[in-house]
Amino acid sequence: MFKKDSGLVKIWFGAVLNGTYQYKDVPNLSNLQQVVGEQLTDMGYDINAENAAA
């Protein structure tokens, strides 16, 4: 189980936030997508709008 301070969460969060990857690219590994999604949403990143545009 990943937490918001887990290393892998921080890496994917930063990669999505800076545009290297999109949220949909975050691997479905345990709860990694969920935790990264929560972090992005807290920062104002709309993960639903990204998925609608894809």
PDB file of N, CA and C in Angstrom:
ATOM      1  N   MET A   1       0.835  -1.183   0.000  1.00  0.00           N
ATOM      2  CA  MET A   1       0.000   0.000   0.000  1.00  0.00           C
ATOM      3  C   MET A   1       0.878   1.244   0.000  1.00  0.00           C
ATOM      4  N   PHE A   2       0.541   2.152  -0.889  1.00  0.00           N
ATOM      5  CA  PHE A   2       1.300   3.387  -1.007  1.00  0.00           C
ATOM      6  C   PHE A   2       0.660   4.489  -0.178  1.00  0.00           C
ATOM      7  N   LYS A   3       1.498   5.363   0.324  1.00  0.00           N
ATOM      8  CA  LYS A   3       1.059   6.549   1.048  1.00  0.00           C
ATOM      9  C   LYS A   3       1.523   7.765   0.260  1.00  0.00           C
ATOM     10  N   LYS A   4       0.998   8.941   0.608  1.00  0.00           N
ATOM     11  CA  LYS A   4       1.352  10.137  -0.156  1.00  0.00           C
ATOM     12  C   LYS A   4       2.828  10.496  -0.062  1.00  0.00           C
ATOM     13  N   ASP A   5       3.516   9.992   0.949  1.00  0.00           N
ATOM     14  CA  ASP A   5       4.941  10.286   1.072  1.00  0.00           C
ATOM     15  C   ASP A   5       5.827   9.150   0.557  1.00  0.00           C
ATOM     16  N   SER A   6       5.223   8.146  -0.092  1.00  0.00           N
ATOM     17  CA  SER A   6       6.003   7.048  -0.677  1.00  0.00           C
ATOM     18  C   SER A   6       6.820   7.561  -1.863  1.00  0.00           C
ATOM     19  N   GLY A   7       7.989   7.030  -2.030  1.00  0.00           N
ATOM     20  CA  GLY A   7       8.883   7.469  -3.103  1.00  0.00           C
ATOM     21  C   GLY A   7       8.273   7.352  -4.488  1.00  0.00           C
ATOM     22  N   LEU A   8       7.629   6.224  -4.763  1.00  0.00           N
ATOM     23  CA  LEU A   8       7.045   6.018  -6.083  1.00  0.00           C
ATOM     24  C   LEU A   8       5.892   6.988  -6.338  1.00  0.00           C
ATOM     25  N   VAL A   9       5.128   7.299  -5.317  1.00  0.00           N
ATOM     26  CA  VAL A   9       4.047   8.281  -5.449  1.00  0.00           C
ATOM     27  C   VAL A   9       4.639   9.643  -5.791  1.00  0.00           C
ATOM     28  N   LYS A  10       5.706  10.023  -5.108  1.00  0.00           N
ATOM     29  CA  LYS A  10       6.336  11.317  -5.370  1.00  0.00           C
ATOM     30  C   LYS A  10       6.882  11.398  -6.795  1.00  0.00           C
ATOM     31  N   ILE A  11       7.460  10.307  -7.264  1.00  0.00           N
ATOM     32  CA  ILE A  11       8.021  10.289  -8.627  1.00  0.00           C
ATOM     33  C   ILE A  11       6.918  10.457  -9.663  1.00  0.00           C
ATOM     34  N   TRP A  12       5.847   9.653  -9.544  1.00  0.00           N
ATOM     35  CA  TRP A  12       4.756   9.742 -10.528  1.00  0.00           C
ATOM     36  C   TRP A  12       4.009  11.064 -10.413  1.00  0.00           C
ATOM     37  N   PHE A  13       3.808  11.545  -9.217  1.00  0.00           N
ATOM     38  CA  PHE A  13       3.143  12.830  -9.012  1.00  0.00           C
ATOM     39  C   PHE A  13       3.914  13.934  -9.735  1.00  0.00           C
ATOM     40  N   GLY A  14       5.222  13.965  -9.541  1.00  0.00           N
ATOM     41  CA  GLY A  14       6.054  14.979 -10.194  1.00  0.00           C
ATOM     42  C   GLY A  14       6.071  14.832 -11.701  1.00  0.00           C
ATOM     43  N   ALA A  15       6.106  13.599 -12.172  1.00  0.00           N
ATOM     44  CA  ALA A  15       6.145  13.354 -13.617  1.00  0.00           C
ATOM     45  C   ALA A  15       4.855  13.786 -14.300  1.00  0.00           C
ATOM     46  N   VAL A  16       3.731  13.588 -13.639  1.00  0.00           N
ATOM     47  CA  VAL A  16       2.455  14.018 -14.212  1.00  0.00           C
ATOM     48  C   VAL A  16       2.317  15.532 -14.102  1.00  0.00           C
ATOM     49  N   LEU A  17       2.679  16.073 -12.975  1.00  0.00           N
ATOM     50  CA  LEU A  17       2.531  17.507 -12.744  1.00  0.00           C
ATOM     51  C   LEU A  17       3.388  18.325 -13.709  1.00  0.00           C
ATOM     52  N   ASN A  18       4.589  17.835 -14.035  1.00  0.00           N
ATOM     53  CA  ASN A  18       5.451  18.600 -14.940  1.00  0.00           C
ATOM     54  C   ASN A  18       5.214  18.266 -16.406  1.00  0.00           C
ATOM     55  N   GLY A  19       4.275  17.348 -16.690  1.00  0.00           N
ATOM     56  CA  GLY A  19       3.888  17.078 -18.068  1.00  0.00           C
ATOM     57  C   GLY A  19       4.653  15.964 -18.758  1.00  0.00           C
ATOM     58  N   THR A  20       5.562  15.309 -18.058  1.00  0.00           N
ATOM     59  CA  THR A  20       6.300  14.201 -18.655  1.00  0.00           C
ATOM     60  C   THR A  20       5.355  13.044 -18.976  1.00  0.00           C
ATOM     61  N   TYR A  21       4.417  12.779 -18.085  1.00  0.00           N
ATOM     62  CA  TYR A  21       3.412  11.736 -18.260  1.00  0.00           C
ATOM     63  C   TYR A  21       2.039  12.309 -17.958  1.00  0.00           C
ATOM     64  N   GLN A  22       1.010  11.592 -18.365  1.00  0.00           N
ATOM     65  CA  GLN A  22      -0.355  11.942 -18.004  1.00  0.00           C
ATOM     66  C   GLN A  22      -0.814  11.007 -16.898  1.00  0.00           C
ATOM     67  N   TYR A  23      -1.865  11.398 -16.204  1.00  0.00           N
ATOM     68  CA  TYR A  23      -2.384  10.577 -15.112  1.00  0.00           C
ATOM     69  C   TYR A  23      -2.718   9.167 -15.591  1.00  0.00           C
ATOM     70  N   LYS A  24      -3.243   9.046 -16.795  1.00  0.00           N
ATOM     71  CA  LYS A  24      -3.613   7.723 -17.313  1.00  0.00           C
ATOM     72  C   LYS A  24      -2.409   6.803 -17.480  1.00  0.00           C
ATOM     73  N   ASP A  25      -1.202   7.359 -17.494  1.00  0.00           N
ATOM     74  CA  ASP A  25       0.018   6.567 -17.627  1.00  0.00           C
ATOM     75  C   ASP A  25       0.509   5.975 -16.309  1.00  0.00           C
ATOM     76  N   VAL A  26      -0.044   6.434 -15.179  1.00  0.00           N
ATOM     77  CA  VAL A  26       0.375   5.924 -13.875  1.00  0.00           C
ATOM     78  C   VAL A  26      -0.017   4.445 -13.799  1.00  0.00           C
ATOM     79  N   PRO A  27       0.919   3.562 -13.482  1.00  0.00           N
ATOM     80  CA  PRO A  27       0.612   2.129 -13.447  1.00  0.00           C
ATOM     81  C   PRO A  27      -0.470   1.778 -12.429  1.00  0.00           C
ATOM     82  N   ASN A  28      -1.286   0.800 -12.772  1.00  0.00           N
ATOM     83  CA  ASN A  28      -2.319   0.313 -11.870  1.00  0.00           C
ATOM     84  C   ASN A  28      -1.688  -0.716 -10.931  1.00  0.00           C
ATOM     85  N   LEU A  29      -0.921  -0.220 -10.007  1.00  0.00           N
ATOM     86  CA  LEU A  29      -0.153  -1.048  -9.084  1.00  0.00           C
ATOM     87  C   LEU A  29      -0.630  -0.786  -7.658  1.00  0.00           C
ATOM     88  N   SER A  30      -1.281  -1.756  -7.063  1.00  0.00           N
ATOM     89  CA  SER A  30      -1.857  -1.605  -5.730  1.00  0.00           C
ATOM     90  C   SER A  30      -2.730  -0.357  -5.719  1.00  0.00           C
ATOM     91  N   ASN A  31      -2.473   0.598  -4.842  1.00  0.00           N
ATOM     92  CA  ASN A  31      -3.268   1.818  -4.793  1.00  0.00           C
ATOM     93  C   ASN A  31      -2.481   3.032  -5.324  1.00  0.00           C
ATOM     94  N   LEU A  32      -1.478   2.781  -6.147  1.00  0.00           N
ATOM     95  CA  LEU A  32      -0.625   3.866  -6.653  1.00  0.00           C
ATOM     96  C   LEU A  32      -1.427   4.909  -7.425  1.00  0.00           C
ATOM     97  N   GLN A  33      -2.270   4.475  -8.366  1.00  0.00           N
ATOM     98  CA  GLN A  33      -3.074   5.426  -9.147  1.00  0.00           C
ATOM     99  C   GLN A  33      -3.960   6.262  -8.242  1.00  0.00           C
ATOM    100  N   GLN A  34      -4.581   5.634  -7.280  1.00  0.00           N
ATOM    101  CA  GLN A  34      -5.497   6.339  -6.386  1.00  0.00           C
ATOM    102  C   GLN A  34      -4.770   7.430  -5.595  1.00  0.00           C
ATOM    103  N   VAL A  35      -3.625   7.078  -5.015  1.00  0.00           N
ATOM    104  CA  VAL A  35      -2.896   8.038  -4.189  1.00  0.00           C
ATOM    105  C   VAL A  35      -2.343   9.180  -5.041  1.00  0.00           C
ATOM    106  N   VAL A  36      -1.796   8.856  -6.213  1.00  0.00           N
ATOM    107  CA  VAL A  36      -1.300   9.902  -7.114  1.00  0.00           C
ATOM    108  C   VAL A  36      -2.464  10.791  -7.552  1.00  0.00           C
ATOM    109  N   GLY A  37      -3.601  10.178  -7.872  1.00  0.00           N
ATOM    110  CA  GLY A  37      -4.788  10.943  -8.273  1.00  0.00           C
ATOM    111  C   GLY A  37      -5.253  11.889  -7.184  1.00  0.00           C
ATOM    112  N   GLU A  38      -5.238  11.426  -5.941  1.00  0.00           N
ATOM    113  CA  GLU A  38      -5.628  12.284  -4.815  1.00  0.00           C
ATOM    114  C   GLU A  38      -4.676  13.457  -4.673  1.00  0.00           C
ATOM    115  N   GLN A  39      -3.390  13.194  -4.819  1.00  0.00           N
ATOM    116  CA  GLN A  39      -2.390  14.264  -4.711  1.00  0.00           C
ATOM    117  C   GLN A  39      -2.583  15.296  -5.826  1.00  0.00           C
ATOM    118  N   LEU A  40      -2.803  14.812  -7.046  1.00  0.00           N
ATOM    119  CA  LEU A  40      -2.989  15.719  -8.182  1.00  0.00           C
ATOM    120  C   LEU A  40      -4.250  16.554  -8.001  1.00  0.00           C
ATOM    121  N   THR A  41      -5.318  15.924  -7.547  1.00  0.00           N
ATOM    122  CA  THR A  41      -6.577  16.627  -7.332  1.00  0.00           C
ATOM    123  C   THR A  41      -6.405  17.708  -6.272  1.00  0.00           C
ATOM    124  N   ASP A  42      -5.669  17.397  -5.214  1.00  0.00           N
ATOM    125  CA  ASP A  42      -5.404  18.379  -4.161  1.00  0.00           C
ATOM    126  C   ASP A  42      -4.655  19.595  -4.709  1.00  0.00           C
ATOM    127  N   MET A  43      -3.864  19.392  -5.748  1.00  0.00           N
ATOM    128  CA  MET A  43      -3.093  20.496  -6.352  1.00  0.00           C
ATOM    129  C   MET A  43      -3.894  21.227  -7.434  1.00  0.00           C
ATOM    130  N   GLY A  44      -5.134  20.771  -7.686  1.00  0.00           N
ATOM    131  CA  GLY A  44      -5.963  21.437  -8.675  1.00  0.00           C
ATOM    132  C   GLY A  44      -5.894  20.829 -10.068  1.00  0.00           C
ATOM    133  N   TYR A  45      -5.227  19.712 -10.211  1.00  0.00           N
ATOM    134  CA  TYR A  45      -5.118  19.015 -11.496  1.00  0.00           C
ATOM    135  C   TYR A  45      -6.399  18.217 -11.697  1.00  0.00           C
ATOM    136  N   ASP A  46      -7.071  18.411 -12.828  1.00  0.00           N
ATOM    137  CA  ASP A  46      -8.342  17.736 -13.101  1.00  0.00           C
ATOM    138  C   ASP A  46      -8.083  16.429 -13.844  1.00  0.00           C
ATOM    139  N   ILE A  47      -8.034  15.322 -13.115  1.00  0.00           N
ATOM    140  CA  ILE A  47      -7.757  14.032 -13.733  1.00  0.00           C
ATOM    141  C   ILE A  47      -8.917  13.573 -14.607  1.00  0.00           C
ATOM    142  N   ASN A  48     -10.123  14.027 -14.332  1.00  0.00           N
ATOM    143  CA  ASN A  48     -11.291  13.645 -15.134  1.00  0.00           C
ATOM    144  C   ASN A  48     -11.278  14.342 -16.485  1.00  0.00           C
ATOM    145  N   ALA A  49     -10.874  15.583 -16.533  1.00  0.00           N
ATOM    146  CA  ALA A  49     -10.814  16.313 -17.800  1.00  0.00           C
ATOM    147  C   ALA A  49      -9.756  15.696 -18.703  1.00  0.00           C
ATOM    148  N   GLU A  50      -8.650  15.240 -18.132  1.00  0.00           N
ATOM    149  CA  GLU A  50      -7.600  14.589 -18.926  1.00  0.00           C
ATOM    150  C   GLU A  50      -8.154  13.327 -19.569  1.00  0.00           C
ATOM    151  N   ASN A  51      -8.887  12.527 -18.810  1.00  0.00           N
ATOM    152  CA  ASN A  51      -9.429  11.280 -19.335  1.00  0.00           C
ATOM    153  C   ASN A  51     -10.493  11.540 -20.398  1.00  0.00           C
ATOM    154  N   ALA A  52     -11.250  12.608 -20.257  1.00  0.00           N
ATOM    155  CA  ALA A  52     -12.288  12.940 -21.241  1.00  0.00           C
ATOM    156  C   ALA A  52     -11.665  13.379 -22.552  1.00  0.00           C
ATOM    157  N   ALA A  53     -10.487  14.003 -22.482  1.00  0.00           N
ATOM    158  CA  ALA A  53      -9.813  14.502 -23.687  1.00  0.00           C
ATOM    159  C   ALA A  53      -9.095  13.399 -24.448  1.00  0.00           C
ATOM    160  N   ALA A  54      -8.863  12.281 -23.785  1.00  0.00           N
ATOM    161  CA  ALA A  54      -8.113  11.183 -24.408  1.00  0.00           C
ATOM    162  C   ALA A  54      -8.937  10.400 -25.390  1.00  0.00           C
TER     163      ALA A  54
END
